[in-house]
Amino acid sequence: MKKTISIVLMLVMILSLSVATFANAEQATPASVVTPVPAAAPVRASDETANAQIQYLFNNFNTFKQPESDGNKWSYAVTDLNHNGLLELLAASVQGSGRYTYVMAWEMGEDLNSVTPIQVNVPEDESFPDILTDSADTFYNQVSNTWIYMFYDNIVFSADEAYYAKCAVKLADDGLSFQQLAIQHNQAAGGIVNTAYMDNSGNPITGEQYNAAGTEGPAQLIKSSTNFEWVDAASVTSQNALFNSYAVFKGMMQPSSKTAQPVQAPVNTQNGGFLTITKNPTNESRTVGGTAYFVANASTWTSLSWTLVSPQGGEYNADGFVKMFPYAKVSGAGSTTLTVANVSTDMNGWSVYC
């Protein structure tokens, strides 16, 4: 009853500048600033505590490793979904003829020398969303200090019919849970794909409402993207595999996509086809005054645009970005290559998406 479709809904990469010194920097005056609502700041594990936690997970990995068979393979990822500084080990597997996704999870204890199983909440006869992917749109609510990750549950009934349920996943005190937000139904007939969208109650909605489902909210809702690195048990021969998995989650490395199964929902284009991403942008690290290039491409696209996002969640087009940084030069905002010249330390932590 499930999927295997490799199409990405959105491209989001991080512009991270690696700079040792910066002299005589011109101070840019922001044209507009998103003022954060006072709230508890996310906690991030220090390098020392993160290393201690990863060492514990590696030393005890055999206790987390799940039994496998030909049709029952498991993958693992190290994350901090609730950003409380205590890492989680996630285990996920797609099994059976219905291709159901099963998930198990553990969180490190505050003593950094123990773990607690995380309750995974799945309604009866349902499957967890397809988290075996290498990225997810992410939304942070500064008021509730809550992190939401968008995943998709792709259910393929036949070669001509499929459903794509958009789901919001979060880790809270009651465990790891998800909420289905909206559904896309594709039905092919005579070589034409007819697409319908529904809310969670089955009421008709527009494609725009489907794409926006779960993203509506107050100004303090900050959008970003999170990467995941899934590894199989055979790859965990040293703690490096788990360390790299966490480094990908933190945004310090790119996912290898060796074991991930990218199954995010497709974008339906005007001609009834599907927009398949053929090139994702990659992280750029430049010294002051250098030029960063972000490249994205896809099949059958008719137009594209780039958006630059501040660390506070403010979104700007190329002109707005230049107003923020008058010394910067931005070109290619309507092409597959976005060029940002004369980068500065002030841009550290900004992200872009196409």
Protein backbone atom coordinates (compact mmCIF):
# COMPACT_ATOMS: atom_id res chain seq x y z
CA MET A 1 0.00 0.00 0.00
CA LYS A 2 2.99 2.29 0.13
CA LYS A 3 5.35 4.04 -2.13
CA THR A 4 8.72 4.32 -3.61
CA ILE A 5 8.79 7.73 -5.21
CA SER A 6 11.92 9.87 -5.00
CA ILE A 7 10.76 13.45 -5.44
CA VAL A 8 11.61 16.44 -3.26
CA LEU A 9 9.10 19.12 -2.37
CA MET A 10 11.57 21.85 -1.48
CA LEU A 11 15.29 22.51 -1.57
CA VAL A 12 16.83 24.02 1.55
CA MET A 13 20.53 24.31 2.22
CA ILE A 14 22.59 26.32 4.70
CA LEU A 15 25.09 29.04 3.91
CA SER A 16 27.76 28.60 6.54
CA LEU A 17 30.84 30.79 6.47
CA SER A 18 34.08 29.46 7.87
CA VAL A 19 36.07 32.56 8.80
CA ALA A 20 38.92 32.94 11.26
CA THR A 21 39.24 36.73 11.22
CA PHE A 22 37.29 39.65 9.77
CA ALA A 23 38.81 43.13 9.71
CA ASN A 24 37.21 46.47 8.81
CA ALA A 25 33.81 44.90 8.20
CA GLU A 26 31.10 47.19 6.94
CA GLN A 27 28.15 47.10 9.33
CA ALA A 28 24.93 46.59 7.39
CA THR A 29 21.71 48.07 8.73
CA PRO A 30 18.85 45.58 8.35
CA ALA A 31 15.93 46.76 6.26
CA SER A 32 13.58 44.67 8.36
CA VAL A 33 14.10 42.42 11.33
CA VAL A 34 12.00 39.58 12.70
CA THR A 35 11.89 40.19 16.46
CA PRO A 36 11.82 36.88 18.33
CA VAL A 37 9.13 36.41 20.94
CA PRO A 38 10.77 35.83 24.35
CA ALA A 39 10.92 32.12 24.97
CA ALA A 40 13.18 29.41 26.27
CA ALA A 41 16.17 29.18 23.95
CA PRO A 42 16.87 25.75 22.42
CA VAL A 43 19.57 23.81 24.22
CA ARG A 44 22.32 22.33 22.09
CA ALA A 45 24.73 19.75 23.39
CA SER A 46 28.29 21.00 23.67
CA ASP A 47 30.91 19.11 21.70
CA GLU A 48 32.09 17.46 24.90
CA THR A 49 28.67 16.25 26.06
CA ALA A 50 27.67 15.24 22.52
CA ASN A 51 30.80 13.12 22.19
CA ALA A 52 30.11 11.48 25.56
CA GLN A 53 26.56 10.63 24.50
CA ILE A 54 27.63 9.25 21.14
CA GLN A 55 30.31 7.18 22.84
CA TYR A 56 27.65 5.67 25.12
CA LEU A 57 25.33 4.92 22.18
CA PHE A 58 28.17 3.22 20.33
CA ASN A 59 29.32 1.19 23.33
CA ASN A 60 25.77 -0.07 23.85
CA PHE A 61 24.68 -0.23 20.22
CA ASN A 62 24.06 -3.99 20.34
CA THR A 63 21.28 -3.38 22.86
CA PHE A 64 19.50 -1.09 20.38
CA LYS A 65 20.13 -3.14 17.24
CA GLN A 66 16.96 -4.74 15.92
CA PRO A 67 16.67 -8.30 14.51
CA GLU A 68 16.76 -8.37 10.71
CA SER A 69 15.71 -10.65 7.86
CA ASP A 70 15.59 -10.30 4.08
CA GLY A 71 12.41 -8.24 4.22
CA ASN A 72 13.14 -6.55 7.52
CA LYS A 73 16.07 -4.12 7.41
CA TRP A 74 16.65 -1.39 9.98
CA SER A 75 18.43 1.97 9.71
CA TYR A 76 19.61 4.23 12.53
CA ALA A 77 20.11 7.98 13.03
CA VAL A 78 21.36 10.17 15.89
CA THR A 79 19.28 13.31 16.39
CA ASP A 80 18.12 15.87 18.94
CA LEU A 81 14.58 16.40 17.72
CA ASN A 82 13.42 18.44 20.71
CA HIS A 83 16.73 20.34 20.98
CA ASN A 84 17.11 19.74 24.70
CA GLY A 85 20.78 18.74 24.48
CA LEU A 86 20.00 15.05 25.10
CA LEU A 87 20.52 13.04 21.92
CA GLU A 88 18.16 10.42 20.56
CA LEU A 89 18.88 7.23 18.66
CA LEU A 90 16.17 6.54 16.09
CA ALA A 91 15.63 3.18 14.42
CA ALA A 92 13.35 2.85 11.39
CA SER A 93 12.34 0.07 9.04
CA VAL A 94 9.98 -0.27 6.05
CA GLN A 95 8.39 -3.70 6.12
CA GLY A 96 5.73 -5.88 4.56
CA SER A 97 3.78 -5.80 1.33
CA GLY A 98 2.10 -2.61 2.51
CA ARG A 99 5.52 -1.03 3.07
CA TYR A 100 4.70 0.13 6.57
CA THR A 101 7.25 2.28 8.40
CA TYR A 102 8.10 1.09 11.91
CA VAL A 103 10.02 3.34 14.31
CA MET A 104 11.77 2.85 17.64
CA ALA A 105 13.57 5.56 19.61
CA TRP A 106 15.66 6.12 22.74
CA GLU A 107 16.78 9.34 24.46
CA MET A 108 19.91 9.86 26.51
CA GLY A 109 19.50 10.50 30.21
CA GLU A 110 20.74 13.63 31.93
CA ASP A 111 23.60 11.64 33.46
CA LEU A 112 24.82 11.01 29.87
CA ASN A 113 25.32 7.38 30.87
CA SER A 114 21.86 5.88 30.39
CA VAL A 115 18.96 5.91 27.93
CA THR A 116 15.18 5.95 28.22
CA PRO A 117 12.96 4.32 25.58
CA ILE A 118 10.76 6.88 23.80
CA GLN A 119 7.13 5.94 23.33
CA VAL A 120 6.26 5.98 19.63
CA ASN A 121 2.59 6.87 19.24
CA VAL A 122 0.91 5.35 16.18
CA PRO A 123 -2.88 4.93 15.84
CA GLU A 124 -4.06 1.36 15.37
CA ASP A 125 -3.75 0.04 11.80
CA GLU A 126 -1.70 3.06 10.74
CA SER A 127 1.94 3.46 9.80
CA PHE A 128 4.41 6.05 10.99
CA PRO A 129 5.26 8.63 8.29
CA ASP A 130 8.23 7.86 6.07
CA ILE A 131 11.06 9.31 8.14
CA LEU A 132 13.67 7.31 6.20
CA THR A 133 14.54 10.34 4.11
CA ASP A 134 17.52 12.67 4.12
CA SER A 135 15.71 15.97 4.83
CA ALA A 136 12.54 17.47 6.28
CA ASP A 137 11.09 20.97 6.39
CA THR A 138 11.24 22.12 10.00
CA PHE A 139 9.24 24.68 11.96
CA TYR A 140 10.17 26.08 15.37
CA ASN A 141 7.57 27.77 17.58
CA GLN A 142 9.39 30.17 19.88
CA VAL A 143 6.44 30.52 22.27
CA SER A 144 5.95 26.81 22.97
CA ASN A 145 9.62 25.94 22.26
CA THR A 146 8.35 23.16 19.98
CA TRP A 147 10.02 21.69 16.90
CA ILE A 148 7.86 20.24 14.12
CA TYR A 149 9.23 18.12 11.25
CA MET A 150 7.28 17.58 8.02
CA PHE A 151 7.28 14.05 6.62
CA TYR A 152 5.04 12.25 4.15
CA ASP A 153 3.22 8.93 4.24
CA ASN A 154 3.10 7.75 0.65
CA ILE A 155 0.53 5.07 -0.07
CA VAL A 156 0.52 3.59 -3.56
CA PHE A 157 -2.56 1.52 -4.39
CA SER A 158 -1.58 0.80 -7.99
CA ALA A 159 0.49 2.14 -10.84
CA ASP A 160 -2.33 4.62 -11.50
CA GLU A 161 -3.37 5.68 -8.01
CA ALA A 162 -1.51 7.01 -4.99
CA TYR A 163 -2.08 9.07 -1.85
CA TYR A 164 0.44 11.39 -0.20
CA ALA A 165 -0.39 12.27 3.39
CA LYS A 166 1.46 15.27 4.78
CA CYS A 167 2.29 14.72 8.45
CA ALA A 168 3.76 16.81 11.26
CA VAL A 169 6.11 14.86 13.56
CA LYS A 170 7.24 16.06 16.97
CA LEU A 171 8.97 14.76 20.08
CA ALA A 172 7.32 15.84 23.33
CA ASP A 173 6.90 14.60 26.90
CA ASP A 174 4.32 12.04 25.74
CA GLY A 175 6.68 10.56 23.15
CA LEU A 176 7.25 10.66 19.42
CA SER A 177 4.00 11.31 17.61
CA PHE A 178 2.59 12.64 14.34
CA GLN A 179 -0.49 14.42 13.06
CA GLN A 180 -1.82 13.98 9.54
CA LEU A 181 -2.41 17.45 8.08
CA ALA A 182 -3.60 17.01 4.51
CA ILE A 183 -3.79 14.50 1.67
CA GLN A 184 -2.90 14.61 -2.02
CA HIS A 185 -4.65 12.04 -4.24
CA ASN A 186 -3.27 11.26 -7.68
CA GLN A 187 -5.37 9.25 -10.16
CA ALA A 188 -4.05 8.53 -13.67
CA ALA A 189 -6.41 7.91 -16.57
CA GLY A 190 -5.64 8.00 -20.28
CA GLY A 191 -2.14 9.24 -19.66
CA ILE A 192 -3.38 12.23 -17.64
CA VAL A 193 -2.81 12.53 -13.90
CA ASN A 194 -5.73 14.08 -12.05
CA THR A 195 -4.83 15.50 -8.65
CA ALA A 196 -7.17 16.28 -5.78
CA TYR A 197 -6.33 17.69 -2.36
CA MET A 198 -8.16 17.12 0.91
CA ASP A 199 -7.81 18.28 4.48
CA ASN A 200 -7.52 15.77 7.29
CA SER A 201 -11.31 15.40 7.38
CA GLY A 202 -11.59 14.64 3.66
CA ASN A 203 -12.90 18.08 2.66
CA PRO A 204 -11.62 19.44 -0.69
CA ILE A 205 -8.83 22.03 -0.51
CA THR A 206 -6.57 23.69 -3.06
CA GLY A 207 -3.01 22.70 -3.86
CA GLU A 208 -1.85 25.91 -2.22
CA GLN A 209 -3.69 24.97 0.96
CA TYR A 210 -2.12 21.51 0.85
CA ASN A 211 1.38 22.99 0.55
CA ALA A 212 0.65 25.46 3.36
CA ALA A 213 -0.85 22.87 5.73
CA GLY A 214 1.04 22.96 9.00
CA THR A 215 3.02 26.04 8.08
CA GLU A 216 0.39 28.55 9.16
CA GLY A 217 1.01 30.14 12.50
CA PRO A 218 2.07 33.24 14.38
CA ALA A 219 5.11 35.32 13.47
CA GLN A 220 7.27 33.38 15.89
CA LEU A 221 7.07 30.26 13.68
CA ILE A 222 10.57 29.95 12.21
CA LYS A 223 11.10 27.81 9.13
CA SER A 224 14.26 25.88 8.35
CA SER A 225 15.30 22.46 7.07
CA THR A 226 16.80 19.48 8.87
CA ASN A 227 18.99 16.80 7.32
CA PHE A 228 19.19 13.18 8.46
CA GLU A 229 21.87 10.55 8.00
CA TRP A 230 20.59 6.98 8.27
CA VAL A 231 23.11 4.17 8.68
CA ASP A 232 22.65 0.44 8.76
CA ALA A 233 23.88 -1.69 11.63
CA ALA A 234 26.80 -3.09 9.60
CA SER A 235 28.14 0.46 9.18
CA VAL A 236 28.41 1.07 12.92
CA THR A 237 31.91 -0.36 13.29
CA SER A 238 33.15 2.71 15.15
CA GLN A 239 31.55 5.70 16.81
CA ASN A 240 32.36 7.74 13.70
CA ALA A 241 29.22 6.46 11.96
CA LEU A 242 27.03 7.73 14.80
CA PHE A 243 29.05 10.94 15.13
CA ASN A 244 28.61 11.67 11.41
CA SER A 245 24.89 10.99 11.69
CA TYR A 246 24.60 13.62 14.41
CA ALA A 247 26.87 16.02 12.47
CA VAL A 248 24.44 15.81 9.53
CA PHE A 249 21.53 16.57 11.87
CA LYS A 250 23.40 19.60 13.22
CA GLY A 251 24.03 20.84 9.68
CA MET A 252 27.80 20.36 9.83
CA MET A 253 27.81 17.66 7.13
CA GLN A 254 25.68 16.67 4.16
CA PRO A 255 23.80 13.34 4.15
CA SER A 256 25.41 10.60 2.10
CA SER A 257 21.99 9.24 1.00
CA LYS A 258 23.41 5.72 1.02
CA THR A 259 20.63 4.21 3.12
CA ALA A 260 18.06 7.01 3.12
CA GLN A 261 14.91 6.48 1.11
CA PRO A 262 13.80 9.92 -0.10
CA VAL A 263 10.05 9.62 -0.43
CA GLN A 264 8.79 13.16 0.01
CA ALA A 265 5.63 14.21 -1.74
CA PRO A 266 5.76 15.21 -5.40
CA VAL A 267 4.88 18.63 -6.72
CA ASN A 268 2.22 18.51 -9.41
CA THR A 269 3.01 20.84 -12.31
CA GLN A 270 0.59 22.54 -14.67
CA ASN A 271 1.10 19.93 -17.38
CA GLY A 272 -0.02 17.14 -15.06
CA GLY A 273 3.48 15.70 -14.64
CA PHE A 274 5.73 15.58 -11.61
CA LEU A 275 8.55 17.92 -10.76
CA THR A 276 11.59 15.73 -10.12
CA ILE A 277 14.55 17.35 -8.42
CA THR A 278 17.73 16.54 -10.36
CA LYS A 279 20.19 18.77 -8.49
CA ASN A 280 20.10 19.91 -4.88
CA PRO A 281 22.15 22.89 -3.66
CA THR A 282 25.01 22.11 -1.33
CA ASN A 283 26.39 23.93 1.70
CA GLU A 284 28.91 26.63 0.87
CA SER A 285 31.83 27.63 3.09
CA ARG A 286 33.72 30.76 2.01
CA THR A 287 36.21 33.22 3.43
CA VAL A 288 35.28 36.89 3.74
CA GLY A 289 34.95 38.55 0.33
CA GLY A 290 34.45 35.24 -1.48
CA THR A 291 31.60 34.13 -3.70
CA ALA A 292 29.11 31.37 -2.86
CA TYR A 293 27.24 29.46 -5.58
CA PHE A 294 24.02 27.55 -4.95
CA VAL A 295 22.80 25.30 -7.77
CA ALA A 296 19.39 23.63 -8.05
CA ASN A 297 17.65 22.00 -10.97
CA ALA A 298 14.61 19.88 -11.73
CA SER A 299 12.75 18.32 -14.61
CA THR A 300 9.81 20.05 -16.36
CA TRP A 301 10.03 23.26 -14.33
CA THR A 302 8.60 26.42 -15.87
CA SER A 303 9.88 29.03 -13.42
CA LEU A 304 11.83 29.18 -10.18
CA SER A 305 12.84 31.65 -7.51
CA TRP A 306 15.30 31.75 -4.62
CA THR A 307 14.56 32.91 -1.09
CA LEU A 308 17.18 33.85 1.49
CA VAL A 309 16.29 33.22 5.13
CA SER A 310 17.82 34.92 8.16
CA PRO A 311 18.72 32.96 11.32
CA GLN A 312 15.61 34.53 12.91
CA GLY A 313 13.36 33.18 10.15
CA GLY A 314 12.87 36.33 8.09
CA GLU A 315 12.53 35.57 4.37
CA TYR A 316 13.95 37.90 1.69
CA ASN A 317 14.22 37.97 -2.07
CA ALA A 318 17.48 39.05 -3.69
CA ASP A 319 16.63 42.77 -3.48
CA GLY A 320 15.68 42.51 0.17
CA PHE A 321 18.88 40.62 0.93
CA VAL A 322 20.99 43.34 -0.70
CA LYS A 323 19.20 45.93 1.41
CA MET A 324 20.31 43.92 4.44
CA PHE A 325 23.87 43.67 3.09
CA PRO A 326 24.53 46.63 0.74
CA TYR A 327 28.05 45.42 -0.01
CA ALA A 328 26.82 42.01 -1.26
CA LYS A 329 26.15 41.23 -4.91
CA VAL A 330 23.40 38.71 -5.69
CA SER A 331 22.62 37.38 -9.16
CA GLY A 332 20.74 34.48 -10.71
CA ALA A 333 17.60 34.79 -8.56
CA GLY A 334 15.51 33.49 -11.48
CA SER A 335 17.96 30.88 -12.72
CA THR A 336 19.25 27.53 -11.51
CA THR A 337 22.38 29.14 -10.02
CA LEU A 338 22.14 31.71 -7.23
CA THR A 339 25.39 33.65 -6.80
CA VAL A 340 26.18 35.57 -3.61
CA ALA A 341 29.39 37.61 -3.99
CA ASN A 342 31.38 39.45 -1.33
CA VAL A 343 30.18 37.30 1.56
CA SER A 344 30.72 38.45 5.13
CA THR A 345 30.61 37.07 8.65
CA ASP A 346 27.24 38.81 9.08
CA MET A 347 25.79 36.20 6.70
CA ASN A 348 26.78 33.29 8.92
CA GLY A 349 23.70 31.22 9.75
CA TRP A 350 21.63 32.38 6.77
CA SER A 351 19.99 29.75 4.56
CA VAL A 352 18.57 29.66 1.05
CA TYR A 353 15.90 27.63 -0.68
CA CYS A 354 14.71 27.32 -4.27
